[in-house]
Amino acid sequence: MARRITERQRLALKLEHLSETEVHEVLDYISIMESMRRATSLPATWEDELVSLLADSRENERARQAFEWESVRRRAERKAALSLSARA
């Protein structure tokens, strides 16, 4: 029975047939893949700390309150418009 080559062996064979420029491009691509893997695997604790710091800030509390007031105002306007159109 014929032994099948692995993906790594197949890659090595393909690399042997590439030019130096193409090998450099493959290495650049691998570098990008590695940096993306590192970025996703690193714990984002500093981002969590920043988000929690911003969430607790006074300006953010005011913005949430203003947003809630605006939402209530819009709901009241819609409700009033619906009741007026129902009467007509």
PDB file of N, CA and C in Angstrom:
ATOM      1  N   MET A   1       0.836  -1.172   0.000  1.00  0.00           N
ATOM      2  CA  MET A   1       0.000   0.000   0.000  1.00  0.00           C
ATOM      3  C   MET A   1       0.888   1.245   0.000  1.00  0.00           C
ATOM      4  N   ALA A   2       0.559   2.210  -0.838  1.00  0.00           N
ATOM      5  CA  ALA A   2       1.365   3.424  -0.961  1.00  0.00           C
ATOM      6  C   ALA A   2       1.159   4.319   0.250  1.00  0.00           C
ATOM      7  N   ARG A   3       2.262   4.871   0.719  1.00  0.00           N
ATOM      8  CA  ARG A   3       2.184   5.765   1.874  1.00  0.00           C
ATOM      9  C   ARG A   3       1.914   7.186   1.391  1.00  0.00           C
ATOM     10  N   ARG A   4       0.920   7.821   1.962  1.00  0.00           N
ATOM     11  CA  ARG A   4       0.550   9.184   1.555  1.00  0.00           C
ATOM     12  C   ARG A   4       1.461  10.182   2.250  1.00  0.00           C
ATOM     13  N   ILE A   5       1.760  11.279   1.555  1.00  0.00           N
ATOM     14  CA  ILE A   5       2.590  12.301   2.173  1.00  0.00           C
ATOM     15  C   ILE A   5       1.721  13.211   3.037  1.00  0.00           C
ATOM     16  N   THR A   6       2.316  13.747   4.071  1.00  0.00           N
ATOM     17  CA  THR A   6       1.579  14.638   4.960  1.00  0.00           C
ATOM     18  C   THR A   6       1.520  16.031   4.349  1.00  0.00           C
ATOM     19  N   GLU A   7       0.689  16.863   4.942  1.00  0.00           N
ATOM     20  CA  GLU A   7       0.567  18.242   4.459  1.00  0.00           C
ATOM     21  C   GLU A   7       1.902  18.986   4.619  1.00  0.00           C
ATOM     22  N   ARG A   8       2.614  18.711   5.687  1.00  0.00           N
ATOM     23  CA  ARG A   8       3.906  19.357   5.905  1.00  0.00           C
ATOM     24  C   ARG A   8       4.913  18.939   4.837  1.00  0.00           C
ATOM     25  N   GLN A   9       4.908  17.658   4.476  1.00  0.00           N
ATOM     26  CA  GLN A   9       5.805  17.185   3.428  1.00  0.00           C
ATOM     27  C   GLN A   9       5.438  17.801   2.081  1.00  0.00           C
ATOM     28  N   ARG A  10       4.149  17.898   1.840  1.00  0.00           N
ATOM     29  CA  ARG A  10       3.679  18.517   0.589  1.00  0.00           C
ATOM     30  C   ARG A  10       4.103  19.978   0.516  1.00  0.00           C
ATOM     31  N   LEU A  11       4.008  20.674   1.650  1.00  0.00           N
ATOM     32  CA  LEU A  11       4.436  22.070   1.705  1.00  0.00           C
ATOM     33  C   LEU A  11       5.935  22.183   1.456  1.00  0.00           C
ATOM     34  N   ALA A  12       6.712  21.302   2.066  1.00  0.00           N
ATOM     35  CA  ALA A  12       8.164  21.320   1.868  1.00  0.00           C
ATOM     36  C   ALA A  12       8.514  21.103   0.397  1.00  0.00           C
ATOM     37  N   LEU A  13       7.808  20.200  -0.271  1.00  0.00           N
ATOM     38  CA  LEU A  13       8.056  19.968  -1.692  1.00  0.00           C
ATOM     39  C   LEU A  13       7.741  21.209  -2.520  1.00  0.00           C
ATOM     40  N   LYS A  14       6.641  21.857  -2.189  1.00  0.00           N
ATOM     41  CA  LYS A  14       6.272  23.068  -2.929  1.00  0.00           C
ATOM     42  C   LYS A  14       7.277  24.189  -2.698  1.00  0.00           C
ATOM     43  N   LEU A  15       7.769  24.310  -1.455  1.00  0.00           N
ATOM     44  CA  LEU A  15       8.743  25.351  -1.142  1.00  0.00           C
ATOM     45  C   LEU A  15      10.036  25.174  -1.926  1.00  0.00           C
ATOM     46  N   GLU A  16      10.415  23.924  -2.187  1.00  0.00           N
ATOM     47  CA  GLU A  16      11.637  23.658  -2.942  1.00  0.00           C
ATOM     48  C   GLU A  16      11.560  24.193  -4.359  1.00  0.00           C
ATOM     49  N   HIS A  17      10.367  24.318  -4.892  1.00  0.00           N
ATOM     50  CA  HIS A  17      10.199  24.755  -6.279  1.00  0.00           C
ATOM     51  C   HIS A  17       9.913  26.250  -6.411  1.00  0.00           C
ATOM     52  N   LEU A  18       9.885  26.971  -5.301  1.00  0.00           N
ATOM     53  CA  LEU A  18       9.611  28.408  -5.346  1.00  0.00           C
ATOM     54  C   LEU A  18      10.898  29.197  -5.521  1.00  0.00           C
ATOM     55  N   SER A  19      10.743  30.392  -6.103  1.00  0.00           N
ATOM     56  CA  SER A  19      11.891  31.299  -6.213  1.00  0.00           C
ATOM     57  C   SER A  19      12.158  31.936  -4.854  1.00  0.00           C
ATOM     58  N   GLU A  20      13.287  32.598  -4.718  1.00  0.00           N
ATOM     59  CA  GLU A  20      13.622  33.249  -3.443  1.00  0.00           C
ATOM     60  C   GLU A  20      12.605  34.329  -3.088  1.00  0.00           C
ATOM     61  N   THR A  21      12.132  35.045  -4.081  1.00  0.00           N
ATOM     62  CA  THR A  21      11.120  36.077  -3.845  1.00  0.00           C
ATOM     63  C   THR A  21       9.832  35.449  -3.335  1.00  0.00           C
ATOM     64  N   GLU A  22       9.423  34.343  -3.943  1.00  0.00           N
ATOM     65  CA  GLU A  22       8.203  33.666  -3.516  1.00  0.00           C
ATOM     66  C   GLU A  22       8.349  33.088  -2.105  1.00  0.00           C
ATOM     67  N   VAL A  23       9.546  32.572  -1.796  1.00  0.00           N
ATOM     68  CA  VAL A  23       9.790  32.060  -0.446  1.00  0.00           C
ATOM     69  C   VAL A  23       9.684  33.201   0.560  1.00  0.00           C
ATOM     70  N   HIS A  24      10.213  34.369   0.207  1.00  0.00           N
ATOM     71  CA  HIS A  24      10.124  35.537   1.087  1.00  0.00           C
ATOM     72  C   HIS A  24       8.662  35.928   1.309  1.00  0.00           C
ATOM     73  N   GLU A  25       7.850  35.891   0.265  1.00  0.00           N
ATOM     74  CA  GLU A  25       6.427  36.208   0.393  1.00  0.00           C
ATOM     75  C   GLU A  25       5.718  35.205   1.293  1.00  0.00           C
ATOM     76  N   VAL A  26       6.059  33.923   1.173  1.00  0.00           N
ATOM     77  CA  VAL A  26       5.463  32.897   2.031  1.00  0.00           C
ATOM     78  C   VAL A  26       5.852  33.155   3.483  1.00  0.00           C
ATOM     79  N   LEU A  27       7.105  33.498   3.715  1.00  0.00           N
ATOM     80  CA  LEU A  27       7.558  33.790   5.075  1.00  0.00           C
ATOM     81  C   LEU A  27       6.851  35.013   5.640  1.00  0.00           C
ATOM     82  N   ASP A  28       6.626  36.024   4.804  1.00  0.00           N
ATOM     83  CA  ASP A  28       5.862  37.193   5.248  1.00  0.00           C
ATOM     84  C   ASP A  28       4.447  36.799   5.643  1.00  0.00           C
ATOM     85  N   TYR A  29       3.832  35.941   4.837  1.00  0.00           N
ATOM     86  CA  TYR A  29       2.475  35.478   5.122  1.00  0.00           C
ATOM     87  C   TYR A  29       2.435  34.706   6.438  1.00  0.00           C
ATOM     88  N   ILE A  30       3.429  33.850   6.646  1.00  0.00           N
ATOM     89  CA  ILE A  30       3.494  33.087   7.896  1.00  0.00           C
ATOM     90  C   ILE A  30       3.680  34.025   9.076  1.00  0.00           C
ATOM     91  N   SER A  31       4.481  35.064   8.904  1.00  0.00           N
ATOM     92  CA  SER A  31       4.681  36.044   9.971  1.00  0.00           C
ATOM     93  C   SER A  31       3.369  36.734  10.325  1.00  0.00           C
ATOM     94  N   ILE A  32       2.586  37.074   9.324  1.00  0.00           N
ATOM     95  CA  ILE A  32       1.280  37.697   9.553  1.00  0.00           C
ATOM     96  C   ILE A  32       0.367  36.739  10.314  1.00  0.00           C
ATOM     97  N   MET A  33       0.358  35.471   9.907  1.00  0.00           N
ATOM     98  CA  MET A  33      -0.474  34.467  10.585  1.00  0.00           C
ATOM     99  C   MET A  33      -0.061  34.328  12.041  1.00  0.00           C
ATOM    100  N   GLU A  34       1.246  34.311  12.308  1.00  0.00           N
ATOM    101  CA  GLU A  34       1.730  34.180  13.682  1.00  0.00           C
ATOM    102  C   GLU A  34       1.350  35.384  14.533  1.00  0.00           C
ATOM    103  N   SER A  35       1.477  36.588  13.965  1.00  0.00           N
ATOM    104  CA  SER A  35       1.134  37.782  14.734  1.00  0.00           C
ATOM    105  C   SER A  35      -0.366  37.836  15.019  1.00  0.00           C
ATOM    106  N   MET A  36      -1.187  37.381  14.072  1.00  0.00           N
ATOM    107  CA  MET A  36      -2.628  37.336  14.313  1.00  0.00           C
ATOM    108  C   MET A  36      -2.950  36.317  15.399  1.00  0.00           C
ATOM    109  N   ARG A  37      -2.263  35.191  15.400  1.00  0.00           N
ATOM    110  CA  ARG A  37      -2.484  34.171  16.430  1.00  0.00           C
ATOM    111  C   ARG A  37      -2.100  34.709  17.802  1.00  0.00           C
ATOM    112  N   ARG A  38      -0.971  35.423  17.869  1.00  0.00           N
ATOM    113  CA  ARG A  38      -0.552  36.013  19.140  1.00  0.00           C
ATOM    114  C   ARG A  38      -1.559  37.044  19.620  1.00  0.00           C
ATOM    115  N   ALA A  39      -2.074  37.838  18.698  1.00  0.00           N
ATOM    116  CA  ALA A  39      -3.029  38.887  19.068  1.00  0.00           C
ATOM    117  C   ALA A  39      -4.318  38.298  19.623  1.00  0.00           C
ATOM    118  N   THR A  40      -4.751  37.177  19.079  1.00  0.00           N
ATOM    119  CA  THR A  40      -5.994  36.583  19.568  1.00  0.00           C
ATOM    120  C   THR A  40      -5.789  35.776  20.836  1.00  0.00           C
ATOM    121  N   SER A  41      -4.574  35.285  21.056  1.00  0.00           N
ATOM    122  CA  SER A  41      -4.350  34.454  22.233  1.00  0.00           C
ATOM    123  C   SER A  41      -3.948  35.257  23.465  1.00  0.00           C
ATOM    124  N   LEU A  42      -3.491  36.489  23.284  1.00  0.00           N
ATOM    125  CA  LEU A  42      -3.094  37.302  24.430  1.00  0.00           C
ATOM    126  C   LEU A  42      -4.324  37.758  25.209  1.00  0.00           C
ATOM    127  N   PRO A  43      -4.279  37.658  26.504  1.00  0.00           N
ATOM    128  CA  PRO A  43      -5.415  38.158  27.276  1.00  0.00           C
ATOM    129  C   PRO A  43      -5.480  39.678  27.177  1.00  0.00           C
ATOM    130  N   ALA A  44      -6.649  40.162  26.950  1.00  0.00           N
ATOM    131  CA  ALA A  44      -6.839  41.601  26.755  1.00  0.00           C
ATOM    132  C   ALA A  44      -7.206  42.250  28.080  1.00  0.00           C
ATOM    133  N   THR A  45      -6.390  42.032  29.100  1.00  0.00           N
ATOM    134  CA  THR A  45      -6.720  42.568  30.420  1.00  0.00           C
ATOM    135  C   THR A  45      -6.672  44.085  30.432  1.00  0.00           C
ATOM    136  N   TRP A  46      -5.700  44.661  29.730  1.00  0.00           N
ATOM    137  CA  TRP A  46      -5.634  46.119  29.746  1.00  0.00           C
ATOM    138  C   TRP A  46      -6.845  46.723  29.064  1.00  0.00           C
ATOM    139  N   GLU A  47      -7.382  46.058  28.035  1.00  0.00           N
ATOM    140  CA  GLU A  47      -8.594  46.554  27.386  1.00  0.00           C
ATOM    141  C   GLU A  47      -9.777  46.464  28.342  1.00  0.00           C
ATOM    142  N   ASP A  48      -9.853  45.367  29.085  1.00  0.00           N
ATOM    143  CA  ASP A  48     -10.932  45.209  30.051  1.00  0.00           C
ATOM    144  C   ASP A  48     -10.854  46.285  31.126  1.00  0.00           C
ATOM    145  N   GLU A  49      -9.640  46.575  31.585  1.00  0.00           N
ATOM    146  CA  GLU A  49      -9.474  47.615  32.594  1.00  0.00           C
ATOM    147  C   GLU A  49      -9.872  48.972  32.035  1.00  0.00           C
ATOM    148  N   LEU A  50      -9.487  49.236  30.789  1.00  0.00           N
ATOM    149  CA  LEU A  50      -9.828  50.505  30.158  1.00  0.00           C
ATOM    150  C   LEU A  50     -11.337  50.633  29.985  1.00  0.00           C
ATOM    151  N   VAL A  51     -11.972  49.573  29.533  1.00  0.00           N
ATOM    152  CA  VAL A  51     -13.419  49.607  29.329  1.00  0.00           C
ATOM    153  C   VAL A  51     -14.137  49.823  30.654  1.00  0.00           C
ATOM    154  N   SER A  52     -13.703  49.122  31.696  1.00  0.00           N
ATOM    155  CA  SER A  52     -14.368  49.297  32.990  1.00  0.00           C
ATOM    156  C   SER A  52     -14.125  50.690  33.549  1.00  0.00           C
ATOM    157  N   LEU A  53     -12.931  51.233  33.321  1.00  0.00           N
ATOM    158  CA  LEU A  53     -12.637  52.592  33.772  1.00  0.00           C
ATOM    159  C   LEU A  53     -13.534  53.598  33.056  1.00  0.00           C
ATOM    160  N   LEU A  54     -13.688  53.428  31.743  1.00  0.00           N
ATOM    161  CA  LEU A  54     -14.541  54.339  30.984  1.00  0.00           C
ATOM    162  C   LEU A  54     -16.015  54.158  31.344  1.00  0.00           C
ATOM    163  N   ALA A  55     -16.420  52.936  31.605  1.00  0.00           N
ATOM    164  CA  ALA A  55     -17.824  52.674  31.956  1.00  0.00           C
ATOM    165  C   ALA A  55     -18.193  53.322  33.272  1.00  0.00           C
ATOM    166  N   ASP A  56     -17.230  53.438  34.176  1.00  0.00           N
ATOM    167  CA  ASP A  56     -17.498  54.033  35.474  1.00  0.00           C
ATOM    168  C   ASP A  56     -17.301  55.546  35.501  1.00  0.00           C
ATOM    169  N   SER A  57     -16.840  56.100  34.406  1.00  0.00           N
ATOM    170  CA  SER A  57     -16.562  57.532  34.414  1.00  0.00           C
ATOM    171  C   SER A  57     -17.857  58.347  34.494  1.00  0.00           C
ATOM    172  N   ARG A  58     -17.747  59.520  35.068  1.00  0.00           N
ATOM    173  CA  ARG A  58     -18.912  60.396  35.271  1.00  0.00           C
ATOM    174  C   ARG A  58     -19.556  60.792  33.941  1.00  0.00           C
ATOM    175  N   GLU A  59     -18.733  61.056  32.920  1.00  0.00           N
ATOM    176  CA  GLU A  59     -19.267  61.454  31.621  1.00  0.00           C
ATOM    177  C   GLU A  59     -20.091  60.335  31.002  1.00  0.00           C
ATOM    178  N   ASN A  60     -19.634  59.115  31.191  1.00  0.00           N
ATOM    179  CA  ASN A  60     -20.374  57.990  30.631  1.00  0.00           C
ATOM    180  C   ASN A  60     -21.703  57.803  31.355  1.00  0.00           C
ATOM    181  N   GLU A  61     -21.714  57.993  32.661  1.00  0.00           N
ATOM    182  CA  GLU A  61     -22.964  57.904  33.406  1.00  0.00           C
ATOM    183  C   GLU A  61     -23.956  58.949  32.912  1.00  0.00           C
ATOM    184  N   ARG A  62     -23.470  60.159  32.668  1.00  0.00           N
ATOM    185  CA  ARG A  62     -24.346  61.228  32.153  1.00  0.00           C
ATOM    186  C   ARG A  62     -24.860  60.881  30.763  1.00  0.00           C
ATOM    187  N   ALA A  63     -23.992  60.331  29.937  1.00  0.00           N
ATOM    188  CA  ALA A  63     -24.406  59.972  28.575  1.00  0.00           C
ATOM    189  C   ALA A  63     -25.468  58.878  28.613  1.00  0.00           C
ATOM    190  N   ARG A  64     -25.293  57.884  29.490  1.00  0.00           N
ATOM    191  CA  ARG A  64     -26.307  56.833  29.612  1.00  0.00           C
ATOM    192  C   ARG A  64     -27.630  57.406  30.094  1.00  0.00           C
ATOM    193  N   GLN A  65     -27.576  58.347  31.039  1.00  0.00           N
ATOM    194  CA  GLN A  65     -28.795  58.953  31.551  1.00  0.00           C
ATOM    195  C   GLN A  65     -29.490  59.757  30.452  1.00  0.00           C
ATOM    196  N   ALA A  66     -28.734  60.536  29.687  1.00  0.00           N
ATOM    197  CA  ALA A  66     -29.315  61.320  28.601  1.00  0.00           C
ATOM    198  C   ALA A  66     -29.918  60.408  27.533  1.00  0.00           C
ATOM    199  N   PHE A  67     -29.229  59.299  27.238  1.00  0.00           N
ATOM    200  CA  PHE A  67     -29.755  58.345  26.261  1.00  0.00           C
ATOM    201  C   PHE A  67     -31.067  57.744  26.749  1.00  0.00           C
ATOM    202  N   GLU A  68     -31.135  57.404  28.020  1.00  0.00           N
ATOM    203  CA  GLU A  68     -32.358  56.823  28.582  1.00  0.00           C
ATOM    204  C   GLU A  68     -33.504  57.829  28.539  1.00  0.00           C
ATOM    205  N   TRP A  69     -33.216  59.088  28.886  1.00  0.00           N
ATOM    206  CA  TRP A  69     -34.253  60.119  28.818  1.00  0.00           C
ATOM    207  C   TRP A  69     -34.764  60.286  27.392  1.00  0.00           C
ATOM    208  N   GLU A  70     -33.842  60.278  26.442  1.00  0.00           N
ATOM    209  CA  GLU A  70     -34.232  60.432  25.038  1.00  0.00           C
ATOM    210  C   GLU A  70     -35.076  59.238  24.593  1.00  0.00           C
ATOM    211  N   SER A  71     -34.743  58.046  25.025  1.00  0.00           N
ATOM    212  CA  SER A  71     -35.523  56.855  24.676  1.00  0.00           C
ATOM    213  C   SER A  71     -36.937  56.954  25.241  1.00  0.00           C
ATOM    214  N   VAL A  72     -37.058  57.396  26.486  1.00  0.00           N
ATOM    215  CA  VAL A  72     -38.373  57.545  27.113  1.00  0.00           C
ATOM    216  C   VAL A  72     -39.188  58.607  26.385  1.00  0.00           C
ATOM    217  N   ARG A  73     -38.544  59.704  26.016  1.00  0.00           N
ATOM    218  CA  ARG A  73     -39.235  60.779  25.304  1.00  0.00           C
ATOM    219  C   ARG A  73     -39.760  60.286  23.958  1.00  0.00           C
ATOM    220  N   ARG A  74     -38.944  59.535  23.222  1.00  0.00           N
ATOM    221  CA  ARG A  74     -39.373  59.016  21.927  1.00  0.00           C
ATOM    222  C   ARG A  74     -40.527  58.034  22.067  1.00  0.00           C
ATOM    223  N   ARG A  75     -40.442  57.158  23.089  1.00  0.00           N
ATOM    224  CA  ARG A  75     -41.536  56.215  23.316  1.00  0.00           C
ATOM    225  C   ARG A  75     -42.828  56.960  23.628  1.00  0.00           C
ATOM    226  N   ALA A  76     -42.741  58.001  24.440  1.00  0.00           N
ATOM    227  CA  ALA A  76     -43.931  58.783  24.797  1.00  0.00           C
ATOM    228  C   ALA A  76     -44.503  59.461  23.562  1.00  0.00           C
ATOM    229  N   GLU A  77     -43.650  60.000  22.700  1.00  0.00           N
ATOM    230  CA  GLU A  77     -44.130  60.636  21.474  1.00  0.00           C
ATOM    231  C   GLU A  77     -44.817  59.626  20.562  1.00  0.00           C
ATOM    232  N   ARG A  78     -44.222  58.437  20.421  1.00  0.00           N
ATOM    233  CA  ARG A  78     -44.843  57.404  19.588  1.00  0.00           C
ATOM    234  C   ARG A  78     -46.194  56.980  20.152  1.00  0.00           C
ATOM    235  N   LYS A  79     -46.240  56.819  21.467  1.00  0.00           N
ATOM    236  CA  LYS A  79     -47.489  56.416  22.119  1.00  0.00           C
ATOM    237  C   LYS A  79     -48.568  57.473  21.909  1.00  0.00           C
ATOM    238  N   ALA A  80     -48.182  58.759  22.051  1.00  0.00           N
ATOM    239  CA  ALA A  80     -49.140  59.845  21.845  1.00  0.00           C
ATOM    240  C   ALA A  80     -49.602  59.889  20.392  1.00  0.00           C
ATOM    241  N   ALA A  81     -48.680  59.675  19.466  1.00  0.00           N
ATOM    242  CA  ALA A  81     -49.052  59.698  18.049  1.00  0.00           C
ATOM    243  C   ALA A  81     -49.990  58.544  17.715  1.00  0.00           C
ATOM    244  N   LEU A  82     -49.737  57.395  18.302  1.00  0.00           N
ATOM    245  CA  LEU A  82     -50.613  56.242  18.049  1.00  0.00           C
ATOM    246  C   LEU A  82     -52.002  56.460  18.636  1.00  0.00           C
ATOM    247  N   SER A  83     -52.086  57.060  19.814  1.00  0.00           N
ATOM    248  CA  SER A  83     -53.398  57.291  20.420  1.00  0.00           C
ATOM    249  C   SER A  83     -54.180  58.355  19.655  1.00  0.00           C
ATOM    250  N   LEU A  84     -53.479  59.347  19.114  1.00  0.00           N
ATOM    251  CA  LEU A  84     -54.159  60.363  18.291  1.00  0.00           C
ATOM    252  C   LEU A  84     -54.657  59.769  16.982  1.00  0.00           C
ATOM    253  N   SER A  85     -53.851  58.900  16.381  1.00  0.00           N
ATOM    254  CA  SER A  85     -54.278  58.309  15.110  1.00  0.00           C
ATOM    255  C   SER A  85     -55.407  57.298  15.336  1.00  0.00           C
ATOM    256  N   ALA A  86     -55.459  56.686  16.509  1.00  0.00           N
ATOM    257  CA  ALA A  86     -56.546  55.739  16.815  1.00  0.00           C
ATOM    258  C   ALA A  86     -57.861  56.467  16.993  1.00  0.00           C
ATOM    259  N   ARG A  87     -57.815  57.686  17.513  1.00  0.00           N
ATOM    260  CA  ARG A  87     -59.033  58.482  17.725  1.00  0.00           C
ATOM    261  C   ARG A  87     -59.609  58.972  16.407  1.00  0.00           C
ATOM    262  N   ALA A  88     -58.753  59.179  15.429  1.00  0.00           N
ATOM    263  CA  ALA A  88     -59.218  59.762  14.167  1.00  0.00           C
ATOM    264  C   ALA A  88     -59.914  58.786  13.268  1.00  0.00           C
TER     265      ALA A  88
END
